[in-house]
Amino acid sequence: ATEGTPVGGLPLTWHAVPGWAPPAAPAPVPL
């Protein structure tokens, strides 16, 4: 809730175990 000094944007990337792939639709992606 407290306003600070903007310092930039944190890049975000999906990570999983090597070789993991999202399930085919309509199955939900497990988060």
PDB file of all heavy atoms in Angstrom:
ATOM      1  N   ALA A   1       0.812  -1.212   0.000  1.00  0.00           N
ATOM      2  CA  ALA A   1       0.000   0.000   0.000  1.00  0.00           C
ATOM      3  C   ALA A   1       0.848   1.266   0.000  1.00  0.00           C
ATOM      4  O   ALA A   1       0.362   2.339  -0.308  1.00  0.00           O
ATOM      5  CB  ALA A   1      -0.923  -0.009   1.217  1.00  0.00           C
ATOM      6  N   THR A   2       2.121   1.153   0.345  1.00  0.00           N
ATOM      7  CA  THR A   2       3.006   2.312   0.427  1.00  0.00           C
ATOM      8  C   THR A   2       3.664   2.577  -0.912  1.00  0.00           C
ATOM      9  O   THR A   2       4.195   1.664  -1.538  1.00  0.00           O
ATOM     10  CB  THR A   2       4.096   2.063   1.494  1.00  0.00           C
ATOM     11  OG1 THR A   2       3.446   1.847   2.747  1.00  0.00           O
ATOM     12  CG2 THR A   2       5.036   3.239   1.609  1.00  0.00           C
ATOM     13  N   GLU A   3       3.623   3.829  -1.317  1.00  0.00           N
ATOM     14  CA  GLU A   3       4.256   4.202  -2.577  1.00  0.00           C
ATOM     15  C   GLU A   3       5.746   4.411  -2.356  1.00  0.00           C
ATOM     16  O   GLU A   3       6.166   5.123  -1.454  1.00  0.00           O
ATOM     17  CB  GLU A   3       3.631   5.493  -3.110  1.00  0.00           C
ATOM     18  CG  GLU A   3       4.118   5.862  -4.486  1.00  0.00           C
ATOM     19  CD  GLU A   3       3.402   7.073  -5.042  1.00  0.00           C
ATOM     20  OE1 GLU A   3       2.234   7.289  -4.684  1.00  0.00           O
ATOM     21  OE2 GLU A   3       4.021   7.799  -5.829  1.00  0.00           O
ATOM     22  N   GLY A   4       6.540   3.756  -3.175  1.00  0.00           N
ATOM     23  CA  GLY A   4       7.979   3.917  -3.114  1.00  0.00           C
ATOM     24  C   GLY A   4       8.482   4.569  -4.383  1.00  0.00           C
ATOM     25  O   GLY A   4       7.725   5.199  -5.115  1.00  0.00           O
ATOM     26  N   THR A   5       9.750   4.397  -4.654  1.00  0.00           N
ATOM     27  CA  THR A   5      10.376   4.925  -5.867  1.00  0.00           C
ATOM     28  C   THR A   5      10.367   3.838  -6.932  1.00  0.00           C
ATOM     29  O   THR A   5      10.897   2.742  -6.699  1.00  0.00           O
ATOM     30  CB  THR A   5      11.828   5.340  -5.563  1.00  0.00           C
ATOM     31  OG1 THR A   5      11.811   6.338  -4.548  1.00  0.00           O
ATOM     32  CG2 THR A   5      12.519   5.866  -6.802  1.00  0.00           C
ATOM     33  N   PRO A   6       9.764   4.098  -8.110  1.00  0.00           N
ATOM     34  CA  PRO A   6       9.800   3.091  -9.180  1.00  0.00           C
ATOM     35  C   PRO A   6      11.251   2.785  -9.575  1.00  0.00           C
ATOM     36  O   PRO A   6      12.054   3.701  -9.735  1.00  0.00           O
ATOM     37  CB  PRO A   6       9.045   3.763 -10.328  1.00  0.00           C
ATOM     38  CG  PRO A   6       8.216   4.823  -9.681  1.00  0.00           C
ATOM     39  CD  PRO A   6       9.015   5.296  -8.501  1.00  0.00           C
ATOM     40  N   VAL A   7      11.567   1.494  -9.704  1.00  0.00           N
ATOM     41  CA  VAL A   7      12.932   1.107 -10.073  1.00  0.00           C
ATOM     42  C   VAL A   7      12.975   0.237 -11.330  1.00  0.00           C
ATOM     43  O   VAL A   7      14.052  -0.146 -11.781  1.00  0.00           O
ATOM     44  CB  VAL A   7      13.674   0.400  -8.910  1.00  0.00           C
ATOM     45  CG1 VAL A   7      13.980   1.384  -7.787  1.00  0.00           C
ATOM     46  CG2 VAL A   7      12.883  -0.791  -8.387  1.00  0.00           C
ATOM     47  N   GLY A   8      11.826  -0.080 -11.908  1.00  0.00           N
ATOM     48  CA  GLY A   8      11.816  -0.846 -13.155  1.00  0.00           C
ATOM     49  C   GLY A   8      10.798  -1.962 -13.116  1.00  0.00           C
ATOM     50  O   GLY A   8       9.993  -2.068 -12.191  1.00  0.00           O
ATOM     51  N   GLY A   9      10.855  -2.787 -14.155  1.00  0.00           N
ATOM     52  CA  GLY A   9       9.950  -3.913 -14.262  1.00  0.00           C
ATOM     53  C   GLY A   9      10.697  -5.223 -14.106  1.00  0.00           C
ATOM     54  O   GLY A   9      11.769  -5.403 -14.684  1.00  0.00           O
ATOM     55  N   LEU A  10      10.147  -6.129 -13.329  1.00  0.00           N
ATOM     56  CA  LEU A  10      10.738  -7.442 -13.124  1.00  0.00           C
ATOM     57  C   LEU A  10      10.252  -8.372 -14.227  1.00  0.00           C
ATOM     58  O   LEU A  10       9.050  -8.648 -14.327  1.00  0.00           O
ATOM     59  CB  LEU A  10      10.328  -7.992 -11.755  1.00  0.00           C
ATOM     60  CG  LEU A  10      10.878  -9.357 -11.374  1.00  0.00           C
ATOM     61  CD1 LEU A  10      12.393  -9.292 -11.215  1.00  0.00           C
ATOM     62  CD2 LEU A  10      10.225  -9.830 -10.079  1.00  0.00           C
ATOM     63  N   PRO A  11      11.172  -8.855 -15.087  1.00  0.00           N
ATOM     64  CA  PRO A  11      10.741  -9.777 -16.139  1.00  0.00           C
ATOM     65  C   PRO A  11      10.271 -11.095 -15.530  1.00  0.00           C
ATOM     66  O   PRO A  11      10.845 -11.591 -14.567  1.00  0.00           O
ATOM     67  CB  PRO A  11      11.997  -9.989 -16.989  1.00  0.00           C
ATOM     68  CG  PRO A  11      13.095  -9.219 -16.369  1.00  0.00           C
ATOM     69  CD  PRO A  11      12.598  -8.585 -15.121  1.00  0.00           C
ATOM     70  N   LEU A  12       9.201 -11.641 -16.113  1.00  0.00           N
ATOM     71  CA  LEU A  12       8.608 -12.882 -15.619  1.00  0.00           C
ATOM     72  C   LEU A  12       8.577 -13.918 -16.738  1.00  0.00           C
ATOM     73  O   LEU A  12       8.235 -13.597 -17.874  1.00  0.00           O
ATOM     74  CB  LEU A  12       7.185 -12.620 -15.114  1.00  0.00           C
ATOM     75  CG  LEU A  12       7.061 -11.615 -13.973  1.00  0.00           C
ATOM     76  CD1 LEU A  12       5.611 -11.232 -13.747  1.00  0.00           C
ATOM     77  CD2 LEU A  12       7.686 -12.167 -12.708  1.00  0.00           C
ATOM     78  N   THR A  13       8.920 -15.151 -16.389  1.00  0.00           N
ATOM     79  CA  THR A  13       8.959 -16.244 -17.352  1.00  0.00           C
ATOM     80  C   THR A  13       8.392 -17.495 -16.699  1.00  0.00           C
ATOM     81  O   THR A  13       8.598 -17.733 -15.509  1.00  0.00           O
ATOM     82  CB  THR A  13      10.418 -16.529 -17.800  1.00  0.00           C
ATOM     83  OG1 THR A  13      10.994 -15.323 -18.291  1.00  0.00           O
ATOM     84  CG2 THR A  13      10.482 -17.582 -18.877  1.00  0.00           C
ATOM     85  N   TRP A  14       7.694 -18.288 -17.499  1.00  0.00           N
ATOM     86  CA  TRP A  14       7.184 -19.572 -17.029  1.00  0.00           C
ATOM     87  C   TRP A  14       8.356 -20.538 -16.865  1.00  0.00           C
ATOM     88  O   TRP A  14       9.203 -20.633 -17.744  1.00  0.00           O
ATOM     89  CB  TRP A  14       6.194 -20.146 -18.028  1.00  0.00           C
ATOM     90  CG  TRP A  14       5.041 -19.243 -18.314  1.00  0.00           C
ATOM     91  CD1 TRP A  14       4.861 -18.455 -19.416  1.00  0.00           C
ATOM     92  CD2 TRP A  14       3.898 -19.024 -17.490  1.00  0.00           C
ATOM     93  NE1 TRP A  14       3.679 -17.758 -19.321  1.00  0.00           N
ATOM     94  CE2 TRP A  14       3.066 -18.089 -18.144  1.00  0.00           C
ATOM     95  CE3 TRP A  14       3.497 -19.524 -16.259  1.00  0.00           C
ATOM     96  CZ2 TRP A  14       1.864 -17.656 -17.615  1.00  0.00           C
ATOM     97  CZ3 TRP A  14       2.281 -19.083 -15.730  1.00  0.00           C
ATOM     98  CH2 TRP A  14       1.484 -18.171 -16.405  1.00  0.00           C
ATOM     99  N   HIS A  15       8.400 -21.262 -15.742  1.00  0.00           N
ATOM    100  CA  HIS A  15       9.445 -22.255 -15.486  1.00  0.00           C
ATOM    101  C   HIS A  15       8.821 -23.580 -15.042  1.00  0.00           C
ATOM    102  O   HIS A  15       7.841 -23.590 -14.292  1.00  0.00           O
ATOM    103  CB  HIS A  15      10.393 -21.780 -14.381  1.00  0.00           C
ATOM    104  CG  HIS A  15      11.379 -20.761 -14.831  1.00  0.00           C
ATOM    105  ND1 HIS A  15      11.049 -19.437 -15.036  1.00  0.00           N
ATOM    106  CD2 HIS A  15      12.684 -20.870 -15.128  1.00  0.00           C
ATOM    107  CE1 HIS A  15      12.120 -18.777 -15.427  1.00  0.00           C
ATOM    108  NE2 HIS A  15      13.122 -19.629 -15.493  1.00  0.00           N
ATOM    109  N   ALA A  16       9.418 -24.649 -15.508  1.00  0.00           N
ATOM    110  CA  ALA A  16       8.992 -25.999 -15.120  1.00  0.00           C
ATOM    111  C   ALA A  16      10.200 -26.919 -15.227  1.00  0.00           C
ATOM    112  O   ALA A  16      11.283 -26.493 -15.648  1.00  0.00           O
ATOM    113  CB  ALA A  16       7.855 -26.467 -16.032  1.00  0.00           C
ATOM    114  N   VAL A  17       9.999 -28.179 -14.881  1.00  0.00           N
ATOM    115  CA  VAL A  17      11.088 -29.142 -15.043  1.00  0.00           C
ATOM    116  C   VAL A  17      11.403 -29.270 -16.537  1.00  0.00           C
ATOM    117  O   VAL A  17      10.515 -29.100 -17.379  1.00  0.00           O
ATOM    118  CB  VAL A  17      10.737 -30.518 -14.428  1.00  0.00           C
ATOM    119  CG1 VAL A  17      10.621 -30.426 -12.914  1.00  0.00           C
ATOM    120  CG2 VAL A  17       9.484 -31.103 -15.037  1.00  0.00           C
ATOM    121  N   PRO A  18      12.649 -29.526 -16.879  1.00  0.00           N
ATOM    122  CA  PRO A  18      12.991 -29.680 -18.298  1.00  0.00           C
ATOM    123  C   PRO A  18      12.107 -30.741 -18.958  1.00  0.00           C
ATOM    124  O   PRO A  18      11.832 -31.796 -18.383  1.00  0.00           O
ATOM    125  CB  PRO A  18      14.458 -30.120 -18.258  1.00  0.00           C
ATOM    126  CG  PRO A  18      14.981 -29.536 -16.981  1.00  0.00           C
ATOM    127  CD  PRO A  18      13.822 -29.648 -16.016  1.00  0.00           C
ATOM    128  N   GLY A  19      11.610 -30.411 -20.156  1.00  0.00           N
ATOM    129  CA  GLY A  19      10.758 -31.332 -20.895  1.00  0.00           C
ATOM    130  C   GLY A  19       9.278 -31.214 -20.595  1.00  0.00           C
ATOM    131  O   GLY A  19       8.454 -31.817 -21.281  1.00  0.00           O
ATOM    132  N   TRP A  20       8.907 -30.431 -19.577  1.00  0.00           N
ATOM    133  CA  TRP A  20       7.493 -30.260 -19.241  1.00  0.00           C
ATOM    134  C   TRP A  20       6.806 -29.494 -20.365  1.00  0.00           C
ATOM    135  O   TRP A  20       7.375 -28.580 -20.949  1.00  0.00           O
ATOM    136  CB  TRP A  20       7.351 -29.486 -17.934  1.00  0.00           C
ATOM    137  CG  TRP A  20       5.941 -29.374 -17.430  1.00  0.00           C
ATOM    138  CD1 TRP A  20       5.309 -30.227 -16.591  1.00  0.00           C
ATOM    139  CD2 TRP A  20       4.991 -28.338 -17.719  1.00  0.00           C
ATOM    140  NE1 TRP A  20       4.025 -29.792 -16.341  1.00  0.00           N
ATOM    141  CE2 TRP A  20       3.807 -28.635 -17.032  1.00  0.00           C
ATOM    142  CE3 TRP A  20       5.026 -27.193 -18.512  1.00  0.00           C
ATOM    143  CZ2 TRP A  20       2.669 -27.837 -17.080  1.00  0.00           C
ATOM    144  CZ3 TRP A  20       3.899 -26.390 -18.577  1.00  0.00           C
ATOM    145  CH2 TRP A  20       2.734 -26.721 -17.866  1.00  0.00           C
ATOM    146  N   ALA A  21       5.590 -29.861 -20.658  1.00  0.00           N
ATOM    147  CA  ALA A  21       4.800 -29.149 -21.665  1.00  0.00           C
ATOM    148  C   ALA A  21       3.388 -28.963 -21.125  1.00  0.00           C
ATOM    149  O   ALA A  21       2.869 -29.830 -20.413  1.00  0.00           O
ATOM    150  CB  ALA A  21       4.757 -29.940 -22.973  1.00  0.00           C
ATOM    151  N   PRO A  22       2.756 -27.850 -21.464  1.00  0.00           N
ATOM    152  CA  PRO A  22       1.385 -27.647 -20.991  1.00  0.00           C
ATOM    153  C   PRO A  22       0.457 -28.696 -21.582  1.00  0.00           C
ATOM    154  O   PRO A  22       0.682 -29.171 -22.696  1.00  0.00           O
ATOM    155  CB  PRO A  22       1.028 -26.248 -21.491  1.00  0.00           C
ATOM    156  CG  PRO A  22       2.110 -25.808 -22.396  1.00  0.00           C
ATOM    157  CD  PRO A  22       3.252 -26.754 -22.271  1.00  0.00           C
ATOM    158  N   PRO A  23      -0.579 -29.089 -20.844  1.00  0.00           N
ATOM    159  CA  PRO A  23      -1.522 -30.081 -21.362  1.00  0.00           C
ATOM    160  C   PRO A  23      -2.325 -29.504 -22.523  1.00  0.00           C
ATOM    161  O   PRO A  23      -2.473 -28.290 -22.645  1.00  0.00           O
ATOM    162  CB  PRO A  23      -2.415 -30.388 -20.165  1.00  0.00           C
ATOM    163  CG  PRO A  23      -2.332 -29.175 -19.304  1.00  0.00           C
ATOM    164  CD  PRO A  23      -0.957 -28.603 -19.518  1.00  0.00           C
ATOM    165  N   ALA A  24      -2.837 -30.375 -23.343  1.00  0.00           N
ATOM    166  CA  ALA A  24      -3.673 -29.939 -24.468  1.00  0.00           C
ATOM    167  C   ALA A  24      -4.992 -29.396 -23.933  1.00  0.00           C
ATOM    168  O   ALA A  24      -5.547 -29.920 -22.962  1.00  0.00           O
ATOM    169  CB  ALA A  24      -3.914 -31.111 -25.415  1.00  0.00           C
ATOM    170  N   ALA A  25      -5.482 -28.341 -24.572  1.00  0.00           N
ATOM    171  CA  ALA A  25      -6.796 -27.788 -24.206  1.00  0.00           C
ATOM    172  C   ALA A  25      -7.851 -28.842 -24.473  1.00  0.00           C
ATOM    173  O   ALA A  25      -7.685 -29.657 -25.370  1.00  0.00           O
ATOM    174  CB  ALA A  25      -7.052 -26.526 -25.026  1.00  0.00           C
ATOM    175  N   PRO A  26      -8.872 -28.924 -23.696  1.00  0.00           N
ATOM    176  CA  PRO A  26      -9.306 -27.953 -22.706  1.00  0.00           C
ATOM    177  C   PRO A  26      -8.764 -28.207 -21.298  1.00  0.00           C
ATOM    178  O   PRO A  26      -9.191 -27.545 -20.353  1.00  0.00           O
ATOM    179  CB  PRO A  26     -10.826 -28.097 -22.722  1.00  0.00           C
ATOM    180  CG  PRO A  26     -11.038 -29.569 -22.951  1.00  0.00           C
ATOM    181  CD  PRO A  26      -9.899 -29.960 -23.898  1.00  0.00           C
ATOM    182  N   ALA A  27      -7.843 -29.133 -21.136  1.00  0.00           N
ATOM    183  CA  ALA A  27      -7.297 -29.393 -19.798  1.00  0.00           C
ATOM    184  C   ALA A  27      -6.632 -28.121 -19.264  1.00  0.00           C
ATOM    185  O   ALA A  27      -5.933 -27.431 -19.997  1.00  0.00           O
ATOM    186  CB  ALA A  27      -6.280 -30.536 -19.856  1.00  0.00           C
ATOM    187  N   PRO A  28      -6.848 -27.797 -17.994  1.00  0.00           N
ATOM    188  CA  PRO A  28      -6.248 -26.583 -17.450  1.00  0.00           C
ATOM    189  C   PRO A  28      -4.739 -26.742 -17.227  1.00  0.00           C
ATOM    190  O   PRO A  28      -4.250 -27.832 -16.951  1.00  0.00           O
ATOM    191  CB  PRO A  28      -6.974 -26.395 -16.116  1.00  0.00           C
ATOM    192  CG  PRO A  28      -7.429 -27.756 -15.736  1.00  0.00           C
ATOM    193  CD  PRO A  28      -7.692 -28.492 -17.024  1.00  0.00           C
ATOM    194  N   VAL A  29      -4.042 -25.638 -17.363  1.00  0.00           N
ATOM    195  CA  VAL A  29      -2.606 -25.612 -17.071  1.00  0.00           C
ATOM    196  C   VAL A  29      -2.449 -25.698 -15.555  1.00  0.00           C
ATOM    197  O   VAL A  29      -3.045 -24.905 -14.817  1.00  0.00           O
ATOM    198  CB  VAL A  29      -1.964 -24.312 -17.609  1.00  0.00           C
ATOM    199  CG1 VAL A  29      -0.538 -24.156 -17.113  1.00  0.00           C
ATOM    200  CG2 VAL A  29      -2.013 -24.295 -19.126  1.00  0.00           C
ATOM    201  N   PRO A  30      -1.659 -26.651 -15.065  1.00  0.00           N
ATOM    202  CA  PRO A  30      -1.433 -26.751 -13.621  1.00  0.00           C
ATOM    203  C   PRO A  30      -0.389 -25.721 -13.173  1.00  0.00           C
ATOM    204  O   PRO A  30       0.738 -25.714 -13.659  1.00  0.00           O
ATOM    205  CB  PRO A  30      -0.916 -28.178 -13.437  1.00  0.00           C
ATOM    206  CG  PRO A  30      -0.295 -28.532 -14.762  1.00  0.00           C
ATOM    207  CD  PRO A  30      -1.031 -27.755 -15.809  1.00  0.00           C
ATOM    208  N   LEU A  31      -0.789 -24.832 -12.275  1.00  0.00           N
ATOM    209  CA  LEU A  31       0.086 -23.767 -11.787  1.00  0.00           C
ATOM    210  C   LEU A  31       0.596 -24.062 -10.388  1.00  0.00           C
ATOM    211  O   LEU A  31      -0.116 -24.636  -9.562  1.00  0.00           O
ATOM    212  CB  LEU A  31      -0.669 -22.437 -11.739  1.00  0.00           C
ATOM    213  CG  LEU A  31      -1.126 -21.821 -13.038  1.00  0.00           C
ATOM    214  CD1 LEU A  31      -1.897 -20.527 -12.752  1.00  0.00           C
ATOM    215  CD2 LEU A  31       0.052 -21.539 -13.944  1.00  0.00           C
TER     216      LEU A  31
END
